[in-house]
Amino acid sequence: MQGNGLRDRAREFAAAGCVIVGVSFDAVAKNHAFARKLDLPFALACDEAKQVGAAYDAIEPDGEDAGWPRRISFLIDRDGTIARVYWPVDVHAHAAIALADLATLG
């Protein structure tokens, strides 16, 4: 799972000055339970109204998954500019790839 890889390398992200924030369409209680179950050391923001998802084109538009969140990540630089979009996400390699890209931002 994508969150596990980020969790397992959270110290490396922090050392690089990166803040990880997950976004979910679930309610606060469900996100809290999920984060506790997986021991996630980063925040999970709740986007029940799907406003953030819509703004970042992170909602599946068609098919059987229509309306569900895409498994997508964004690397946002210090200026607030999206430096890289990861979609689709390789959940097994994602943390390593994102750390390598983070190192290129300087």
PDB file of N, CA and C in Angstrom:
ATOM      1  N   MET A   1       0.832  -1.184   0.000  1.00  0.00           N
ATOM      2  CA  MET A   1       0.000   0.000   0.000  1.00  0.00           C
ATOM      3  C   MET A   1       0.879   1.251   0.000  1.00  0.00           C
ATOM      4  N   GLN A   2       0.422   2.239  -0.686  1.00  0.00           N
ATOM      5  CA  GLN A   2       1.150   3.506  -0.842  1.00  0.00           C
ATOM      6  C   GLN A   2       1.488   4.147   0.507  1.00  0.00           C
ATOM      7  N   GLY A   3       0.539   4.178   1.410  1.00  0.00           N
ATOM      8  CA  GLY A   3       0.764   4.794   2.717  1.00  0.00           C
ATOM      9  C   GLY A   3       1.830   4.093   3.532  1.00  0.00           C
ATOM     10  N   ASN A   4       1.904   2.777   3.399  1.00  0.00           N
ATOM     11  CA  ASN A   4       2.920   2.037   4.149  1.00  0.00           C
ATOM     12  C   ASN A   4       4.325   2.420   3.713  1.00  0.00           C
ATOM     13  N   GLY A   5       4.539   2.548   2.422  1.00  0.00           N
ATOM     14  CA  GLY A   5       5.858   2.936   1.928  1.00  0.00           C
ATOM     15  C   GLY A   5       6.252   4.317   2.408  1.00  0.00           C
ATOM     16  N   LEU A   6       5.288   5.237   2.409  1.00  0.00           N
ATOM     17  CA  LEU A   6       5.563   6.585   2.904  1.00  0.00           C
ATOM     18  C   LEU A   6       5.824   6.559   4.408  1.00  0.00           C
ATOM     19  N   ARG A   7       5.045   5.761   5.128  1.00  0.00           N
ATOM     20  CA  ARG A   7       5.248   5.603   6.568  1.00  0.00           C
ATOM     21  C   ARG A   7       6.644   5.062   6.865  1.00  0.00           C
ATOM     22  N   ASP A   8       7.028   4.032   6.135  1.00  0.00           N
ATOM     23  CA  ASP A   8       8.301   3.371   6.405  1.00  0.00           C
ATOM     24  C   ASP A   8       9.510   4.255   6.122  1.00  0.00           C
ATOM     25  N   ARG A   9       9.308   5.274   5.297  1.00  0.00           N
ATOM     26  CA  ARG A   9      10.429   6.163   4.956  1.00  0.00           C
ATOM     27  C   ARG A   9      10.157   7.606   5.389  1.00  0.00           C
ATOM     28  N   ALA A  10       9.233   7.765   6.327  1.00  0.00           N
ATOM     29  CA  ALA A  10       8.821   9.098   6.784  1.00  0.00           C
ATOM     30  C   ALA A  10       9.990   9.922   7.310  1.00  0.00           C
ATOM     31  N   ARG A  11      10.924   9.299   7.994  1.00  0.00           N
ATOM     32  CA  ARG A  11      12.078  10.038   8.513  1.00  0.00           C
ATOM     33  C   ARG A  11      12.923  10.614   7.384  1.00  0.00           C
ATOM     34  N   GLU A  12      13.048   9.872   6.297  1.00  0.00           N
ATOM     35  CA  GLU A  12      13.820  10.376   5.157  1.00  0.00           C
ATOM     36  C   GLU A  12      13.119  11.573   4.515  1.00  0.00           C
ATOM     37  N   PHE A  13      11.803  11.498   4.413  1.00  0.00           N
ATOM     38  CA  PHE A  13      11.053  12.631   3.875  1.00  0.00           C
ATOM     39  C   PHE A  13      11.211  13.847   4.785  1.00  0.00           C
ATOM     40  N   ALA A  14      11.090  13.638   6.082  1.00  0.00           N
ATOM     41  CA  ALA A  14      11.231  14.743   7.039  1.00  0.00           C
ATOM     42  C   ALA A  14      12.630  15.345   6.971  1.00  0.00           C
ATOM     43  N   ALA A  15      13.654  14.499   6.859  1.00  0.00           N
ATOM     44  CA  ALA A  15      15.030  14.989   6.779  1.00  0.00           C
ATOM     45  C   ALA A  15      15.248  15.832   5.526  1.00  0.00           C
ATOM     46  N   ALA A  16      14.465  15.549   4.495  1.00  0.00           N
ATOM     47  CA  ALA A  16      14.558  16.317   3.252  1.00  0.00           C
ATOM     48  C   ALA A  16      13.676  17.565   3.287  1.00  0.00           C
ATOM     49  N   GLY A  17      13.009  17.793   4.420  1.00  0.00           N
ATOM     50  CA  GLY A  17      12.156  18.973   4.555  1.00  0.00           C
ATOM     51  C   GLY A  17      10.780  18.803   3.942  1.00  0.00           C
ATOM     52  N   CYS A  18      10.373  17.579   3.714  1.00  0.00           N
ATOM     53  CA  CYS A  18       9.092  17.292   3.066  1.00  0.00           C
ATOM     54  C   CYS A  18       8.027  16.972   4.113  1.00  0.00           C
ATOM     55  N   VAL A  19       6.860  17.530   3.921  1.00  0.00           N
ATOM     56  CA  VAL A  19       5.706  17.232   4.764  1.00  0.00           C
ATOM     57  C   VAL A  19       4.758  16.365   3.941  1.00  0.00           C
ATOM     58  N   ILE A  20       4.400  15.222   4.485  1.00  0.00           N
ATOM     59  CA  ILE A  20       3.467  14.319   3.815  1.00  0.00           C
ATOM     60  C   ILE A  20       2.073  14.587   4.348  1.00  0.00           C
ATOM     61  N   VAL A  21       1.126  14.727   3.436  1.00  0.00           N
ATOM     62  CA  VAL A  21      -0.276  14.870   3.809  1.00  0.00           C
ATOM     63  C   VAL A  21      -1.077  13.955   2.895  1.00  0.00           C
ATOM     64  N   GLY A  22      -1.811  13.041   3.486  1.00  0.00           N
ATOM     65  CA  GLY A  22      -2.723  12.212   2.719  1.00  0.00           C
ATOM     66  C   GLY A  22      -4.080  12.876   2.675  1.00  0.00           C
ATOM     67  N   VAL A  23      -4.817  12.634   1.620  1.00  0.00           N
ATOM     68  CA  VAL A  23      -6.169  13.183   1.505  1.00  0.00           C
ATOM     69  C   VAL A  23      -7.109  12.032   1.193  1.00  0.00           C
ATOM     70  N   SER A  24      -8.207  11.984   1.922  1.00  0.00           N
ATOM     71  CA  SER A  24      -9.181  10.917   1.770  1.00  0.00           C
ATOM     72  C   SER A  24     -10.584  11.516   1.712  1.00  0.00           C
ATOM     73  N   PHE A  25     -11.476  10.809   1.060  1.00  0.00           N
ATOM     74  CA  PHE A  25     -12.869  11.236   1.020  1.00  0.00           C
ATOM     75  C   PHE A  25     -13.637  10.755   2.250  1.00  0.00           C
ATOM     76  N   ASP A  26     -12.957  10.036   3.137  1.00  0.00           N
ATOM     77  CA  ASP A  26     -13.603   9.485   4.319  1.00  0.00           C
ATOM     78  C   ASP A  26     -13.761  10.532   5.418  1.00  0.00           C
ATOM     79  N   ALA A  27     -14.623  10.222   6.363  1.00  0.00           N
ATOM     80  CA  ALA A  27     -14.879  11.094   7.511  1.00  0.00           C
ATOM     81  C   ALA A  27     -13.713  11.041   8.492  1.00  0.00           C
ATOM     82  N   VAL A  28     -13.674  12.008   9.381  1.00  0.00           N
ATOM     83  CA  VAL A  28     -12.585  12.143  10.350  1.00  0.00           C
ATOM     84  C   VAL A  28     -12.392  10.860  11.162  1.00  0.00           C
ATOM     85  N   ALA A  29     -13.449  10.313  11.700  1.00  0.00           N
ATOM     86  CA  ALA A  29     -13.334   9.121  12.548  1.00  0.00           C
ATOM     87  C   ALA A  29     -12.749   7.946  11.773  1.00  0.00           C
ATOM     88  N   LYS A  30     -13.189   7.762  10.545  1.00  0.00           N
ATOM     89  CA  LYS A  30     -12.680   6.654   9.734  1.00  0.00           C
ATOM     90  C   LYS A  30     -11.204   6.874   9.387  1.00  0.00           C
ATOM     91  N   ASN A  31     -10.833   8.109   9.042  1.00  0.00           N
ATOM     92  CA  ASN A  31      -9.427   8.418   8.765  1.00  0.00           C
ATOM     93  C   ASN A  31      -8.562   8.218   9.995  1.00  0.00           C
ATOM     94  N   HIS A  32      -9.063   8.637  11.144  1.00  0.00           N
ATOM     95  CA  HIS A  32      -8.306   8.491  12.384  1.00  0.00           C
ATOM     96  C   HIS A  32      -8.054   7.010  12.684  1.00  0.00           C
ATOM     97  N   ALA A  33      -9.085   6.188  12.541  1.00  0.00           N
ATOM     98  CA  ALA A  33      -8.947   4.751  12.789  1.00  0.00           C
ATOM     99  C   ALA A  33      -7.972   4.122  11.794  1.00  0.00           C
ATOM    100  N   PHE A  34      -8.047   4.523  10.544  1.00  0.00           N
ATOM    101  CA  PHE A  34      -7.152   4.008   9.508  1.00  0.00           C
ATOM    102  C   PHE A  34      -5.704   4.383   9.813  1.00  0.00           C
ATOM    103  N   ALA A  35      -5.471   5.634  10.155  1.00  0.00           N
ATOM    104  CA  ALA A  35      -4.118   6.098  10.471  1.00  0.00           C
ATOM    105  C   ALA A  35      -3.563   5.380  11.697  1.00  0.00           C
ATOM    106  N   ARG A  36      -4.400   5.170  12.687  1.00  0.00           N
ATOM    107  CA  ARG A  36      -3.969   4.471  13.898  1.00  0.00           C
ATOM    108  C   ARG A  36      -3.656   3.011  13.586  1.00  0.00           C
ATOM    109  N   LYS A  37      -4.515   2.361  12.793  1.00  0.00           N
ATOM    110  CA  LYS A  37      -4.323   0.954  12.437  1.00  0.00           C
ATOM    111  C   LYS A  37      -2.999   0.741  11.706  1.00  0.00           C
ATOM    112  N   LEU A  38      -2.658   1.658  10.797  1.00  0.00           N
ATOM    113  CA  LEU A  38      -1.433   1.521   9.999  1.00  0.00           C
ATOM    114  C   LEU A  38      -0.249   2.259  10.606  1.00  0.00           C
ATOM    115  N   ASP A  39      -0.467   2.912  11.744  1.00  0.00           N
ATOM    116  CA  ASP A  39       0.589   3.668  12.420  1.00  0.00           C
ATOM    117  C   ASP A  39       1.209   4.715  11.489  1.00  0.00           C
ATOM    118  N   LEU A  40       0.343   5.467  10.839  1.00  0.00           N
ATOM    119  CA  LEU A  40       0.813   6.495   9.904  1.00  0.00           C
ATOM    120  C   LEU A  40       1.289   7.723  10.675  1.00  0.00           C
ATOM    121  N   PRO A  41       2.505   8.189  10.416  1.00  0.00           N
ATOM    122  CA  PRO A  41       3.042   9.343  11.135  1.00  0.00           C
ATOM    123  C   PRO A  41       2.777  10.678  10.432  1.00  0.00           C
ATOM    124  N   PHE A  42       1.812  10.681   9.554  1.00  0.00           N
ATOM    125  CA  PHE A  42       1.484  11.911   8.836  1.00  0.00           C
ATOM    126  C   PHE A  42      -0.021  12.138   8.855  1.00  0.00           C
ATOM    127  N   ALA A  43      -0.401  13.359   8.562  1.00  0.00           N
ATOM    128  CA  ALA A  43      -1.809  13.755   8.622  1.00  0.00           C
ATOM    129  C   ALA A  43      -2.598  13.177   7.446  1.00  0.00           C
ATOM    130  N   LEU A  44      -3.845  12.847   7.723  1.00  0.00           N
ATOM    131  CA  LEU A  44      -4.803  12.482   6.688  1.00  0.00           C
ATOM    132  C   LEU A  44      -5.904  13.537   6.714  1.00  0.00           C
ATOM    133  N   ALA A  45      -5.966  14.313   5.674  1.00  0.00           N
ATOM    134  CA  ALA A  45      -6.999  15.342   5.575  1.00  0.00           C
ATOM    135  C   ALA A  45      -8.289  14.710   5.060  1.00  0.00           C
ATOM    136  N   CYS A  46      -9.406  15.193   5.549  1.00  0.00           N
ATOM    137  CA  CYS A  46     -10.709  14.684   5.144  1.00  0.00           C
ATOM    138  C   CYS A  46     -11.314  15.601   4.095  1.00  0.00           C
ATOM    139  N   ASP A  47     -11.650  15.025   2.970  1.00  0.00           N
ATOM    140  CA  ASP A  47     -12.234  15.761   1.849  1.00  0.00           C
ATOM    141  C   ASP A  47     -13.575  15.135   1.494  1.00  0.00           C
ATOM    142  N   GLU A  48     -14.465  15.090   2.484  1.00  0.00           N
ATOM    143  CA  GLU A  48     -15.757  14.446   2.281  1.00  0.00           C
ATOM    144  C   GLU A  48     -16.566  15.094   1.156  1.00  0.00           C
ATOM    145  N   ALA A  49     -16.421  16.387   0.966  1.00  0.00           N
ATOM    146  CA  ALA A  49     -17.142  17.086  -0.095  1.00  0.00           C
ATOM    147  C   ALA A  49     -16.441  16.946  -1.448  1.00  0.00           C
ATOM    148  N   LYS A  50     -15.278  16.329  -1.453  1.00  0.00           N
ATOM    149  CA  LYS A  50     -14.494  16.063  -2.663  1.00  0.00           C
ATOM    150  C   LYS A  50     -14.032  17.332  -3.374  1.00  0.00           C
ATOM    151  N   GLN A  51     -13.910  18.431  -2.647  1.00  0.00           N
ATOM    152  CA  GLN A  51     -13.460  19.684  -3.245  1.00  0.00           C
ATOM    153  C   GLN A  51     -11.986  19.646  -3.612  1.00  0.00           C
ATOM    154  N   VAL A  52     -11.158  19.106  -2.725  1.00  0.00           N
ATOM    155  CA  VAL A  52      -9.730  18.984  -3.018  1.00  0.00           C
ATOM    156  C   VAL A  52      -9.532  17.984  -4.147  1.00  0.00           C
ATOM    157  N   GLY A  53     -10.247  16.883  -4.071  1.00  0.00           N
ATOM    158  CA  GLY A  53     -10.164  15.872  -5.128  1.00  0.00           C
ATOM    159  C   GLY A  53     -10.505  16.448  -6.490  1.00  0.00           C
ATOM    160  N   ALA A  54     -11.541  17.252  -6.553  1.00  0.00           N
ATOM    161  CA  ALA A  54     -11.923  17.870  -7.820  1.00  0.00           C
ATOM    162  C   ALA A  54     -10.865  18.867  -8.288  1.00  0.00           C
ATOM    163  N   ALA A  55     -10.341  19.662  -7.363  1.00  0.00           N
ATOM    164  CA  ALA A  55      -9.337  20.671  -7.722  1.00  0.00           C
ATOM    165  C   ALA A  55      -8.059  20.038  -8.271  1.00  0.00           C
ATOM    166  N   TYR A  56      -7.712  18.850  -7.788  1.00  0.00           N
ATOM    167  CA  TYR A  56      -6.486  18.169  -8.201  1.00  0.00           C
ATOM    168  C   TYR A  56      -6.747  17.052  -9.216  1.00  0.00           C
ATOM    169  N   ASP A  57      -7.952  16.999  -9.774  1.00  0.00           N
ATOM    170  CA  ASP A  57      -8.309  15.972 -10.758  1.00  0.00           C
ATOM    171  C   ASP A  57      -8.008  14.583 -10.197  1.00  0.00           C
ATOM    172  N   ALA A  58      -8.398  14.371  -8.959  1.00  0.00           N
ATOM    173  CA  ALA A  58      -8.094  13.127  -8.265  1.00  0.00           C
ATOM    174  C   ALA A  58      -9.335  12.273  -8.011  1.00  0.00           C
ATOM    175  N   ILE A  59     -10.351  12.460  -8.844  1.00  0.00           N
ATOM    176  CA  ILE A  59     -11.578  11.679  -8.731  1.00  0.00           C
ATOM    177  C   ILE A  59     -11.733  10.886 -10.022  1.00  0.00           C
ATOM    178  N   GLU A  60     -11.948   9.586  -9.880  1.00  0.00           N
ATOM    179  CA  GLU A  60     -12.161   8.753 -11.064  1.00  0.00           C
ATOM    180  C   GLU A  60     -13.442   9.226 -11.765  1.00  0.00           C
ATOM    181  N   PRO A  61     -13.340   9.582 -13.053  1.00  0.00           N
ATOM    182  CA  PRO A  61     -14.509  10.133 -13.731  1.00  0.00           C
ATOM    183  C   PRO A  61     -15.471   9.091 -14.312  1.00  0.00           C
ATOM    184  N   ASP A  62     -14.970   7.907 -14.615  1.00  0.00           N
ATOM    185  CA  ASP A  62     -15.779   6.935 -15.357  1.00  0.00           C
ATOM    186  C   ASP A  62     -15.626   5.527 -14.796  1.00  0.00           C
ATOM    187  N   GLY A  63     -16.447   4.659 -15.322  1.00  0.00           N
ATOM    188  CA  GLY A  63     -16.332   3.239 -15.012  1.00  0.00           C
ATOM    189  C   GLY A  63     -16.852   2.877 -13.644  1.00  0.00           C
ATOM    190  N   GLU A  64     -16.498   1.664 -13.236  1.00  0.00           N
ATOM    191  CA  GLU A  64     -17.002   1.159 -11.961  1.00  0.00           C
ATOM    192  C   GLU A  64     -16.447   1.915 -10.769  1.00  0.00           C
ATOM    193  N   ASP A  65     -15.326   2.637 -10.942  1.00  0.00           N
ATOM    194  CA  ASP A  65     -14.731   3.412  -9.850  1.00  0.00           C
ATOM    195  C   ASP A  65     -15.108   4.892  -9.892  1.00  0.00           C
ATOM    196  N   ALA A  66     -16.050   5.255 -10.749  1.00  0.00           N
ATOM    197  CA  ALA A  66     -16.459   6.660 -10.873  1.00  0.00           C
ATOM    198  C   ALA A  66     -16.844   7.224  -9.506  1.00  0.00           C
ATOM    199  N   GLY A  67     -16.282   8.387  -9.192  1.00  0.00           N
ATOM    200  CA  GLY A  67     -16.569   9.057  -7.937  1.00  0.00           C
ATOM    201  C   GLY A  67     -15.605   8.697  -6.822  1.00  0.00           C
ATOM    202  N   TRP A  68     -14.834   7.642  -7.002  1.00  0.00           N
ATOM    203  CA  TRP A  68     -13.848   7.230  -6.002  1.00  0.00           C
ATOM    204  C   TRP A  68     -12.554   8.002  -6.222  1.00  0.00           C
ATOM    205  N   PRO A  69     -11.747   8.128  -5.190  1.00  0.00           N
ATOM    206  CA  PRO A  69     -10.476   8.842  -5.364  1.00  0.00           C
ATOM    207  C   PRO A  69      -9.489   8.034  -6.195  1.00  0.00           C
ATOM    208  N   ARG A  70      -8.737   8.748  -7.012  1.00  0.00           N
ATOM    209  CA  ARG A  70      -7.638   8.114  -7.735  1.00  0.00           C
ATOM    210  C   ARG A  70      -6.487   7.916  -6.767  1.00  0.00           C
ATOM    211  N   ARG A  71      -5.707   6.893  -7.001  1.00  0.00           N
ATOM    212  CA  ARG A  71      -4.450   6.714  -6.247  1.00  0.00           C
ATOM    213  C   ARG A  71      -3.436   7.585  -6.986  1.00  0.00           C
ATOM    214  N   ILE A  72      -3.284   8.803  -6.501  1.00  0.00           N
ATOM    215  CA  ILE A  72      -2.462   9.807  -7.168  1.00  0.00           C
ATOM    216  C   ILE A  72      -1.691  10.582  -6.100  1.00  0.00           C
ATOM    217  N   SER A  73      -0.503  11.013  -6.441  1.00  0.00           N
ATOM    218  CA  SER A  73       0.304  11.813  -5.513  1.00  0.00           C
ATOM    219  C   SER A  73       0.882  13.013  -6.239  1.00  0.00           C
ATOM    220  N   PHE A  74       1.153  14.025  -5.455  1.00  0.00           N
ATOM    221  CA  PHE A  74       1.749  15.249  -5.991  1.00  0.00           C
ATOM    222  C   PHE A  74       2.954  15.619  -5.150  1.00  0.00           C
ATOM    223  N   LEU A  75       4.027  15.974  -5.818  1.00  0.00           N
ATOM    224  CA  LEU A  75       5.196  16.534  -5.140  1.00  0.00           C
ATOM    225  C   LEU A  75       5.119  18.030  -5.376  1.00  0.00           C
ATOM    226  N   ILE A  76       4.932  18.769  -4.302  1.00  0.00           N
ATOM    227  CA  ILE A  76       4.747  20.215  -4.383  1.00  0.00           C
ATOM    228  C   ILE A  76       5.994  20.880  -3.821  1.00  0.00           C
ATOM    229  N   ASP A  77       6.583  21.791  -4.594  1.00  0.00           N
ATOM    230  CA  ASP A  77       7.833  22.422  -4.150  1.00  0.00           C
ATOM    231  C   ASP A  77       7.567  23.508  -3.113  1.00  0.00           C
ATOM    232  N   ARG A  78       8.639  24.096  -2.634  1.00  0.00           N
ATOM    233  CA  ARG A  78       8.541  25.106  -1.563  1.00  0.00           C
ATOM    234  C   ARG A  78       7.735  26.340  -1.981  1.00  0.00           C
ATOM    235  N   ASP A  79       7.641  26.583  -3.281  1.00  0.00           N
ATOM    236  CA  ASP A  79       6.882  27.730  -3.780  1.00  0.00           C
ATOM    237  C   ASP A  79       5.399  27.414  -3.970  1.00  0.00           C
ATOM    238  N   GLY A  80       5.030  26.146  -3.718  1.00  0.00           N
ATOM    239  CA  GLY A  80       3.638  25.750  -3.886  1.00  0.00           C
ATOM    240  C   GLY A  80       3.301  25.296  -5.290  1.00  0.00           C
ATOM    241  N   THR A  81       4.309  25.089  -6.119  1.00  0.00           N
ATOM    242  CA  THR A  81       4.115  24.641  -7.492  1.00  0.00           C
ATOM    243  C   THR A  81       4.181  23.118  -7.542  1.00  0.00           C
ATOM    244  N   ILE A  82       3.284  22.514  -8.286  1.00  0.00           N
ATOM    245  CA  ILE A  82       3.333  21.066  -8.450  1.00  0.00           C
ATOM    246  C   ILE A  82       4.553  20.729  -9.300  1.00  0.00           C
ATOM    247  N   ALA A  83       5.513  20.038  -8.680  1.00  0.00           N
ATOM    248  CA  ALA A  83       6.755  19.688  -9.363  1.00  0.00           C
ATOM    249  C   ALA A  83       6.645  18.350 -10.084  1.00  0.00           C
ATOM    250  N   ARG A  84       5.797  17.460  -9.578  1.00  0.00           N
ATOM    251  CA  ARG A  84       5.654  16.147 -10.197  1.00  0.00           C
ATOM    252  C   ARG A  84       4.310  15.567  -9.814  1.00  0.00           C
ATOM    253  N   VAL A  85       3.682  14.909 -10.776  1.00  0.00           N
ATOM    254  CA  VAL A  85       2.441  14.180 -10.537  1.00  0.00           C
ATOM    255  C   VAL A  85       2.744  12.704 -10.719  1.00  0.00           C
ATOM    256  N   TYR A  86       2.318  11.896  -9.762  1.00  0.00           N
ATOM    257  CA  TYR A  86       2.515  10.457  -9.813  1.00  0.00           C
ATOM    258  C   TYR A  86       1.155   9.795 -10.038  1.00  0.00           C
ATOM    259  N   TRP A  87       0.924   9.408 -11.275  1.00  0.00           N
ATOM    260  CA  TRP A  87      -0.323   8.723 -11.616  1.00  0.00           C
ATOM    261  C   TRP A  87      -0.139   7.964 -12.897  1.00  0.00           C
ATOM    262  N   PRO A  88      -0.397   6.717 -12.927  1.00  0.00           N
ATOM    263  CA  PRO A  88      -0.776   5.924 -11.771  1.00  0.00           C
ATOM    264  C   PRO A  88       0.411   5.729 -10.832  1.00  0.00           C
ATOM    265  N   VAL A  89       0.118   5.366  -9.613  1.00  0.00           N
ATOM    266  CA  VAL A  89       1.142   5.199  -8.589  1.00  0.00           C
ATOM    267  C   VAL A  89       1.541   3.727  -8.507  1.00  0.00           C
ATOM    268  N   ASP A  90       2.836   3.476  -8.555  1.00  0.00           N
ATOM    269  CA  ASP A  90       3.378   2.148  -8.268  1.00  0.00           C
ATOM    270  C   ASP A  90       3.551   2.105  -6.750  1.00  0.00           C
ATOM    271  N   VAL A  91       2.636   1.464  -6.051  1.00  0.00           N
ATOM    272  CA  VAL A  91       2.629   1.532  -4.592  1.00  0.00           C
ATOM    273  C   VAL A  91       3.900   0.969  -3.959  1.00  0.00           C
ATOM    274  N   HIS A  92       4.552   0.052  -4.633  1.00  0.00           N
ATOM    275  CA  HIS A  92       5.756  -0.558  -4.070  1.00  0.00           C
ATOM    276  C   HIS A  92       6.986   0.323  -4.230  1.00  0.00           C
ATOM    277  N   ALA A  93       7.050   1.099  -5.293  1.00  0.00           N
ATOM    278  CA  ALA A  93       8.229   1.926  -5.570  1.00  0.00           C
ATOM    279  C   ALA A  93       8.002   3.405  -5.296  1.00  0.00           C
ATOM    280  N   HIS A  94       6.785   3.774  -4.950  1.00  0.00           N
ATOM    281  CA  HIS A  94       6.425   5.193  -4.865  1.00  0.00           C
ATOM    282  C   HIS A  94       7.311   6.004  -3.927  1.00  0.00           C
ATOM    283  N   ALA A  95       7.518   5.519  -2.717  1.00  0.00           N
ATOM    284  CA  ALA A  95       8.311   6.284  -1.746  1.00  0.00           C
ATOM    285  C   ALA A  95       9.724   6.519  -2.267  1.00  0.00           C
ATOM    286  N   ALA A  96      10.348   5.504  -2.823  1.00  0.00           N
ATOM    287  CA  ALA A  96      11.715   5.643  -3.344  1.00  0.00           C
ATOM    288  C   ALA A  96      11.769   6.621  -4.508  1.00  0.00           C
ATOM    289  N   ILE A  97      10.807   6.537  -5.391  1.00  0.00           N
ATOM    290  CA  ILE A  97      10.769   7.447  -6.540  1.00  0.00           C
ATOM    291  C   ILE A  97      10.560   8.879  -6.073  1.00  0.00           C
ATOM    292  N   ALA A  98       9.621   9.080  -5.146  1.00  0.00           N
ATOM    293  CA  ALA A  98       9.344  10.432  -4.650  1.00  0.00           C
ATOM    294  C   ALA A  98      10.550  11.013  -3.916  1.00  0.00           C
ATOM    295  N   LEU A  99      11.247  10.189  -3.139  1.00  0.00           N
ATOM    296  CA  LEU A  99      12.458  10.675  -2.450  1.00  0.00           C
ATOM    297  C   LEU A  99      13.522  11.072  -3.450  1.00  0.00           C
ATOM    298  N   ALA A 100      13.706  10.286  -4.502  1.00  0.00           N
ATOM    299  CA  ALA A 100      14.689  10.627  -5.532  1.00  0.00           C
ATOM    300  C   ALA A 100      14.319  11.939  -6.214  1.00  0.00           C
ATOM    301  N   ASP A 101      13.035  12.119  -6.529  1.00  0.00           N
ATOM    302  CA  ASP A 101      12.591  13.367  -7.141  1.00  0.00           C
ATOM    303  C   ASP A 101      12.735  14.541  -6.188  1.00  0.00           C
ATOM    304  N   LEU A 102      12.449  14.320  -4.923  1.00  0.00           N
ATOM    305  CA  LEU A 102      12.588  15.364  -3.914  1.00  0.00           C
ATOM    306  C   LEU A 102      14.022  15.862  -3.844  1.00  0.00           C
ATOM    307  N   ALA A 103      14.972  14.962  -3.984  1.00  0.00           N
ATOM    308  CA  ALA A 103      16.383  15.321  -3.929  1.00  0.00           C
ATOM    309  C   ALA A 103      16.778  16.236  -5.090  1.00  0.00           C
ATOM    310  N   THR A 104      16.052  16.174  -6.190  1.00  0.00           N
ATOM    311  CA  THR A 104      16.378  17.024  -7.344  1.00  0.00           C
ATOM    312  C   THR A 104      15.827  18.438  -7.197  1.00  0.00           C
ATOM    313  N   LEU A 105      14.922  18.637  -6.243  1.00  0.00           N
ATOM    314  CA  LEU A 105      14.331  19.963  -6.084  1.00  0.00           C
ATOM    315  C   LEU A 105      15.288  20.958  -5.424  1.00  0.00           C
ATOM    316  N   GLY A 106      16.225  20.434  -4.653  1.00  0.00           N
ATOM    317  CA  GLY A 106      17.222  21.306  -4.004  1.00  0.00           C
ATOM    318  C   GLY A 106      16.766  22.077  -2.852  1.00  0.00           C
TER     319      GLY A 106
END
